Amino acid sequence: MRVRVFVVSLLVAFLAIVPGAQLAMAALPAATEPVATEPPPTVNPFLPEDRSIGDCISAVPKPGCGSEAAGGWHQYLVAIALVGGLAFIGWRIVAGGRRSAKRSTE
């Protein structure tokens, strides 16, 4: 009995959604040619265009596959934030351990 109710519910939901989607598609204006303002999605500033993609995307990329767009002060800032965060967490663990040891000896 439950299976029958489930199947009927799915059928009703399907019949309610599909005609609405077709009406929405009919209301859309005709498609026009998009204006190309961005480079095609195959262009990647981090990969050189004169090298094979297999040379640069691997566990050990070959020399000359890097880019000047990678790195910079943003990357150093993130590294400093990560090291600072880990140092803070380590400090809190050590301080909590010392506080706990001090309480247990009293």
N, C-alpha and C. Protein backbone atom coordinates (compact mmCIF):
# COMPACT_ATOMS: atom_id res chain seq x y z
N MET A 1 0.81 -1.19 0.00
CA MET A 1 0.00 0.00 0.00
C MET A 1 0.86 1.26 0.00
N ARG A 2 1.94 1.26 0.80
CA ARG A 2 2.81 2.42 0.86
C ARG A 2 3.52 2.67 -0.46
N VAL A 3 3.88 1.59 -1.13
CA VAL A 3 4.57 1.73 -2.42
C VAL A 3 3.63 2.39 -3.43
N ARG A 4 2.37 2.00 -3.42
CA ARG A 4 1.41 2.56 -4.35
C ARG A 4 1.22 4.06 -4.09
N VAL A 5 1.14 4.46 -2.82
CA VAL A 5 0.98 5.87 -2.48
C VAL A 5 2.23 6.65 -2.91
N PHE A 6 3.40 6.05 -2.72
CA PHE A 6 4.65 6.70 -3.10
C PHE A 6 4.72 6.91 -4.61
N VAL A 7 4.36 5.89 -5.38
CA VAL A 7 4.39 5.98 -6.83
C VAL A 7 3.40 7.03 -7.33
N VAL A 8 2.21 7.06 -6.75
CA VAL A 8 1.20 8.05 -7.15
C VAL A 8 1.69 9.45 -6.80
N SER A 9 2.34 9.62 -5.65
CA SER A 9 2.87 10.93 -5.26
C SER A 9 3.94 11.40 -6.24
N LEU A 10 4.83 10.50 -6.62
CA LEU A 10 5.86 10.86 -7.60
C LEU A 10 5.24 11.25 -8.94
N LEU A 11 4.23 10.51 -9.37
CA LEU A 11 3.58 10.81 -10.64
C LEU A 11 2.90 12.17 -10.59
N VAL A 12 2.22 12.49 -9.50
CA VAL A 12 1.56 13.78 -9.37
C VAL A 12 2.59 14.91 -9.36
N ALA A 13 3.68 14.72 -8.62
CA ALA A 13 4.72 15.75 -8.57
C ALA A 13 5.35 15.95 -9.95
N PHE A 14 5.59 14.88 -10.67
CA PHE A 14 6.17 14.97 -12.00
C PHE A 14 5.23 15.73 -12.94
N LEU A 15 3.96 15.39 -12.90
CA LEU A 15 3.00 16.06 -13.77
C LEU A 15 2.80 17.52 -13.40
N ALA A 16 3.05 17.87 -12.14
CA ALA A 16 2.92 19.26 -11.73
C ALA A 16 4.13 20.09 -12.14
N ILE A 17 5.30 19.47 -12.17
CA ILE A 17 6.54 20.20 -12.45
C ILE A 17 6.80 20.35 -13.95
N VAL A 18 6.63 19.30 -14.71
CA VAL A 18 7.00 19.31 -16.13
C VAL A 18 6.23 20.34 -16.94
N PRO A 19 4.91 20.45 -16.86
CA PRO A 19 4.23 21.48 -17.65
C PRO A 19 4.66 22.89 -17.25
N GLY A 20 4.91 23.11 -15.97
CA GLY A 20 5.36 24.42 -15.52
C GLY A 20 6.72 24.77 -16.11
N ALA A 21 7.61 23.79 -16.21
CA ALA A 21 8.93 24.04 -16.78
C ALA A 21 8.80 24.34 -18.28
N GLN A 22 7.91 23.66 -18.97
CA GLN A 22 7.75 23.91 -20.39
C GLN A 22 7.16 25.30 -20.63
N LEU A 23 6.25 25.75 -19.77
CA LEU A 23 5.69 27.09 -19.91
C LEU A 23 6.76 28.14 -19.64
N ALA A 24 7.61 27.89 -18.67
CA ALA A 24 8.67 28.84 -18.36
C ALA A 24 9.66 28.94 -19.51
N MET A 25 9.95 27.83 -20.15
CA MET A 25 10.87 27.84 -21.29
C MET A 25 10.26 28.57 -22.48
N ALA A 26 8.95 28.45 -22.64
CA ALA A 26 8.28 29.11 -23.77
C ALA A 26 8.25 30.63 -23.56
N ALA A 27 8.29 31.08 -22.32
CA ALA A 27 8.22 32.51 -22.03
C ALA A 27 9.57 33.20 -22.20
N LEU A 28 10.64 32.44 -22.32
CA LEU A 28 11.97 33.03 -22.47
C LEU A 28 12.12 33.65 -23.86
N PRO A 29 12.84 34.75 -23.96
CA PRO A 29 13.07 35.33 -25.29
C PRO A 29 14.00 34.45 -26.11
N ALA A 30 14.00 34.66 -27.40
CA ALA A 30 14.85 33.86 -28.28
C ALA A 30 16.31 34.11 -27.93
N ALA A 31 17.10 33.07 -28.03
CA ALA A 31 18.52 33.16 -27.69
C ALA A 31 19.26 34.02 -28.70
N THR A 32 20.14 34.84 -28.20
CA THR A 32 20.97 35.67 -29.06
C THR A 32 22.41 35.26 -28.89
N GLU A 33 23.24 35.69 -29.78
CA GLU A 33 24.66 35.37 -29.69
C GLU A 33 25.29 36.12 -28.52
N PRO A 34 26.00 35.41 -27.64
CA PRO A 34 26.63 36.10 -26.52
C PRO A 34 27.81 36.96 -26.99
N VAL A 35 28.03 38.03 -26.29
CA VAL A 35 29.15 38.91 -26.61
C VAL A 35 30.38 38.34 -25.93
N ALA A 36 31.42 38.09 -26.69
CA ALA A 36 32.65 37.50 -26.15
C ALA A 36 33.49 38.58 -25.49
N THR A 37 33.38 38.69 -24.17
CA THR A 37 34.18 39.66 -23.43
C THR A 37 35.28 38.99 -22.64
N GLU A 38 35.16 37.71 -22.40
CA GLU A 38 36.16 36.98 -21.63
C GLU A 38 36.85 35.97 -22.54
N PRO A 39 38.07 35.57 -22.19
CA PRO A 39 38.73 34.55 -22.99
C PRO A 39 37.99 33.22 -22.87
N PRO A 40 38.17 32.35 -23.81
CA PRO A 40 37.48 31.06 -23.74
C PRO A 40 37.91 30.31 -22.47
N PRO A 41 37.05 29.43 -21.96
CA PRO A 41 37.36 28.75 -20.71
C PRO A 41 38.56 27.81 -20.79
N THR A 42 39.08 27.55 -21.98
CA THR A 42 40.24 26.67 -22.10
C THR A 42 41.54 27.40 -21.81
N VAL A 43 41.51 28.73 -21.73
CA VAL A 43 42.72 29.49 -21.45
C VAL A 43 42.92 29.53 -19.93
N ASN A 44 44.10 29.07 -19.48
CA ASN A 44 44.43 29.05 -18.07
C ASN A 44 45.70 29.85 -17.88
N PRO A 45 45.66 30.93 -17.09
CA PRO A 45 46.86 31.74 -16.93
C PRO A 45 47.98 31.03 -16.18
N PHE A 46 47.70 29.91 -15.54
CA PHE A 46 48.70 29.19 -14.77
C PHE A 46 49.41 28.10 -15.58
N LEU A 47 48.96 27.87 -16.81
CA LEU A 47 49.60 26.88 -17.66
C LEU A 47 50.15 27.55 -18.91
N PRO A 48 51.39 27.25 -19.28
CA PRO A 48 51.93 27.85 -20.50
C PRO A 48 51.24 27.29 -21.73
N GLU A 49 51.06 28.14 -22.74
CA GLU A 49 50.37 27.70 -23.95
C GLU A 49 51.29 26.91 -24.88
N ASP A 50 52.60 27.03 -24.72
CA ASP A 50 53.53 26.36 -25.63
C ASP A 50 53.94 24.98 -25.14
N ARG A 51 53.41 24.50 -24.01
CA ARG A 51 53.75 23.19 -23.48
C ARG A 51 52.53 22.28 -23.52
N SER A 52 52.78 20.99 -23.52
CA SER A 52 51.71 20.01 -23.47
C SER A 52 51.09 20.03 -22.07
N ILE A 53 49.78 19.85 -22.02
CA ILE A 53 49.11 19.88 -20.72
C ILE A 53 49.54 18.71 -19.85
N GLY A 54 49.93 17.59 -20.48
CA GLY A 54 50.40 16.44 -19.72
C GLY A 54 51.73 16.68 -19.05
N ASP A 55 52.52 17.61 -19.57
CA ASP A 55 53.80 17.93 -18.95
C ASP A 55 53.62 18.74 -17.68
N CYS A 56 52.59 19.55 -17.63
CA CYS A 56 52.44 20.49 -16.52
C CYS A 56 51.46 20.04 -15.45
N ILE A 57 50.52 19.16 -15.77
CA ILE A 57 49.58 18.68 -14.77
C ILE A 57 49.97 17.26 -14.43
N SER A 58 50.72 17.11 -13.35
CA SER A 58 51.14 15.80 -12.89
C SER A 58 51.62 15.94 -11.45
N ALA A 59 51.98 14.81 -10.85
CA ALA A 59 52.48 14.86 -9.49
C ALA A 59 53.83 15.57 -9.43
N VAL A 60 54.62 15.44 -10.50
CA VAL A 60 55.91 16.11 -10.59
C VAL A 60 55.95 16.88 -11.90
N PRO A 61 55.47 18.14 -11.92
CA PRO A 61 55.48 18.90 -13.17
C PRO A 61 56.90 19.21 -13.62
N LYS A 62 57.09 19.25 -14.91
CA LYS A 62 58.41 19.52 -15.48
C LYS A 62 58.76 21.00 -15.32
N PRO A 63 60.05 21.33 -15.38
CA PRO A 63 60.46 22.74 -15.27
C PRO A 63 59.88 23.57 -16.40
N GLY A 64 59.59 24.83 -16.10
CA GLY A 64 59.04 25.74 -17.09
C GLY A 64 57.53 25.72 -17.17
N CYS A 65 56.87 25.00 -16.24
CA CYS A 65 55.42 24.91 -16.27
C CYS A 65 54.77 25.92 -15.33
N GLY A 66 55.54 26.65 -14.57
CA GLY A 66 54.98 27.61 -13.63
C GLY A 66 54.48 28.85 -14.33
N SER A 67 54.01 29.78 -13.52
CA SER A 67 53.49 31.02 -14.05
C SER A 67 53.83 32.15 -13.10
N GLU A 68 53.99 33.33 -13.66
CA GLU A 68 54.23 34.49 -12.80
C GLU A 68 52.95 34.89 -12.08
N ALA A 69 51.80 34.41 -12.55
CA ALA A 69 50.53 34.73 -11.90
C ALA A 69 50.38 33.98 -10.59
N ALA A 70 51.10 32.88 -10.39
CA ALA A 70 51.01 32.12 -9.16
C ALA A 70 51.93 32.73 -8.12
N GLY A 71 51.55 32.63 -6.87
CA GLY A 71 52.38 33.13 -5.78
C GLY A 71 52.17 34.60 -5.53
N GLY A 72 53.18 35.22 -4.93
CA GLY A 72 53.10 36.64 -4.64
C GLY A 72 52.80 36.88 -3.18
N TRP A 73 52.53 38.14 -2.85
CA TRP A 73 52.33 38.50 -1.44
C TRP A 73 51.06 37.90 -0.87
N HIS A 74 50.07 37.59 -1.70
CA HIS A 74 48.84 36.97 -1.19
C HIS A 74 49.15 35.58 -0.63
N GLN A 75 49.97 34.84 -1.34
CA GLN A 75 50.31 33.50 -0.90
C GLN A 75 51.11 33.55 0.40
N TYR A 76 52.02 34.51 0.52
CA TYR A 76 52.80 34.65 1.74
C TYR A 76 51.91 35.05 2.91
N LEU A 77 50.94 35.90 2.66
CA LEU A 77 50.02 36.31 3.71
C LEU A 77 49.20 35.13 4.22
N VAL A 78 48.75 34.28 3.33
CA VAL A 78 48.00 33.09 3.74
C VAL A 78 48.89 32.15 4.55
N ALA A 79 50.14 31.97 4.12
CA ALA A 79 51.07 31.10 4.84
C ALA A 79 51.34 31.64 6.24
N ILE A 80 51.52 32.95 6.36
CA ILE A 80 51.75 33.54 7.67
C ILE A 80 50.53 33.38 8.57
N ALA A 81 49.34 33.55 8.00
CA ALA A 81 48.11 33.38 8.78
C ALA A 81 47.97 31.94 9.25
N LEU A 82 48.29 30.98 8.41
CA LEU A 82 48.21 29.57 8.80
C LEU A 82 49.20 29.24 9.90
N VAL A 83 50.44 29.68 9.76
CA VAL A 83 51.46 29.40 10.77
C VAL A 83 51.07 30.09 12.08
N GLY A 84 50.59 31.33 12.00
CA GLY A 84 50.15 32.03 13.20
C GLY A 84 48.99 31.32 13.89
N GLY A 85 48.04 30.84 13.11
CA GLY A 85 46.90 30.12 13.67
C GLY A 85 47.34 28.83 14.34
N LEU A 86 48.25 28.09 13.72
CA LEU A 86 48.75 26.86 14.32
C LEU A 86 49.54 27.14 15.60
N ALA A 87 50.31 28.22 15.60
CA ALA A 87 51.06 28.60 16.80
C ALA A 87 50.09 28.95 17.94
N PHE A 88 49.02 29.67 17.62
CA PHE A 88 48.03 30.03 18.64
C PHE A 88 47.37 28.77 19.21
N ILE A 89 47.00 27.84 18.34
CA ILE A 89 46.38 26.59 18.80
C ILE A 89 47.35 25.81 19.68
N GLY A 90 48.62 25.72 19.26
CA GLY A 90 49.62 25.03 20.08
C GLY A 90 49.80 25.69 21.43
N TRP A 91 49.83 27.03 21.44
CA TRP A 91 49.98 27.76 22.70
C TRP A 91 48.81 27.47 23.64
N ARG A 92 47.58 27.45 23.08
CA ARG A 92 46.41 27.17 23.91
C ARG A 92 46.43 25.75 24.46
N ILE A 93 46.93 24.80 23.68
CA ILE A 93 47.01 23.41 24.17
C ILE A 93 48.02 23.32 25.30
N VAL A 94 49.18 23.93 25.14
CA VAL A 94 50.20 23.89 26.18
C VAL A 94 49.71 24.61 27.44
N ALA A 95 49.10 25.79 27.27
CA ALA A 95 48.59 26.54 28.43
C ALA A 95 47.50 25.74 29.15
N GLY A 96 46.62 25.11 28.41
CA GLY A 96 45.57 24.29 29.03
C GLY A 96 46.15 23.09 29.76
N GLY A 97 47.16 22.47 29.19
CA GLY A 97 47.80 21.33 29.84
C GLY A 97 48.50 21.74 31.13
N ARG A 98 49.18 22.89 31.10
CA ARG A 98 49.84 23.37 32.31
C ARG A 98 48.82 23.73 33.39
N ARG A 99 47.74 24.36 32.98
CA ARG A 99 46.71 24.72 33.95
C ARG A 99 46.09 23.47 34.56
N SER A 100 45.87 22.47 33.76
CA SER A 100 45.29 21.21 34.27
C SER A 100 46.27 20.51 35.20
N ALA A 101 47.54 20.52 34.84
CA ALA A 101 48.54 19.88 35.70
C ALA A 101 48.67 20.63 37.02
N LYS A 102 48.57 21.94 36.98
CA LYS A 102 48.68 22.76 38.18
C LYS A 102 47.51 22.49 39.11
N ARG A 103 46.29 22.34 38.56
CA ARG A 103 45.11 22.07 39.36
C ARG A 103 45.18 20.68 39.99
N SER A 104 45.72 19.72 39.26
CA SER A 104 45.74 18.35 39.78
C SER A 104 46.77 18.19 40.90
N THR A 105 47.81 19.02 40.94
CA THR A 105 48.80 18.92 42.01
C THR A 105 48.38 19.66 43.26
N GLU A 106 47.42 20.55 43.15
CA GLU A 106 46.97 21.31 44.33
C GLU A 106 46.05 20.53 45.20
